[in-house]
Amino acid sequence: MPTVKQSPKGYLWSSYDSEADVLYVNFKKPSHATDSELTDDDIIVRYRGESIVQKFTN
């Protein structure tokens, strides 16, 4: 998955919501996004600023 290869290096935090069947992966705490996009793989990628990937939601 190309989006994961572009993600920041370092620690990450994850949580799973079984009711919604959603996996959240955070690269920063706290997670505050300024923009987001939906990929062709139905993954929401949230950004802070122009280039920092903040969170994936699948």
Foldseek 3Di string as FASTA:
>chain_A
DVVVVLADDDDWDWDADVVVRKIKIFPDPPADFPDWDQDPVRWIWGHHPDRHTGMIID
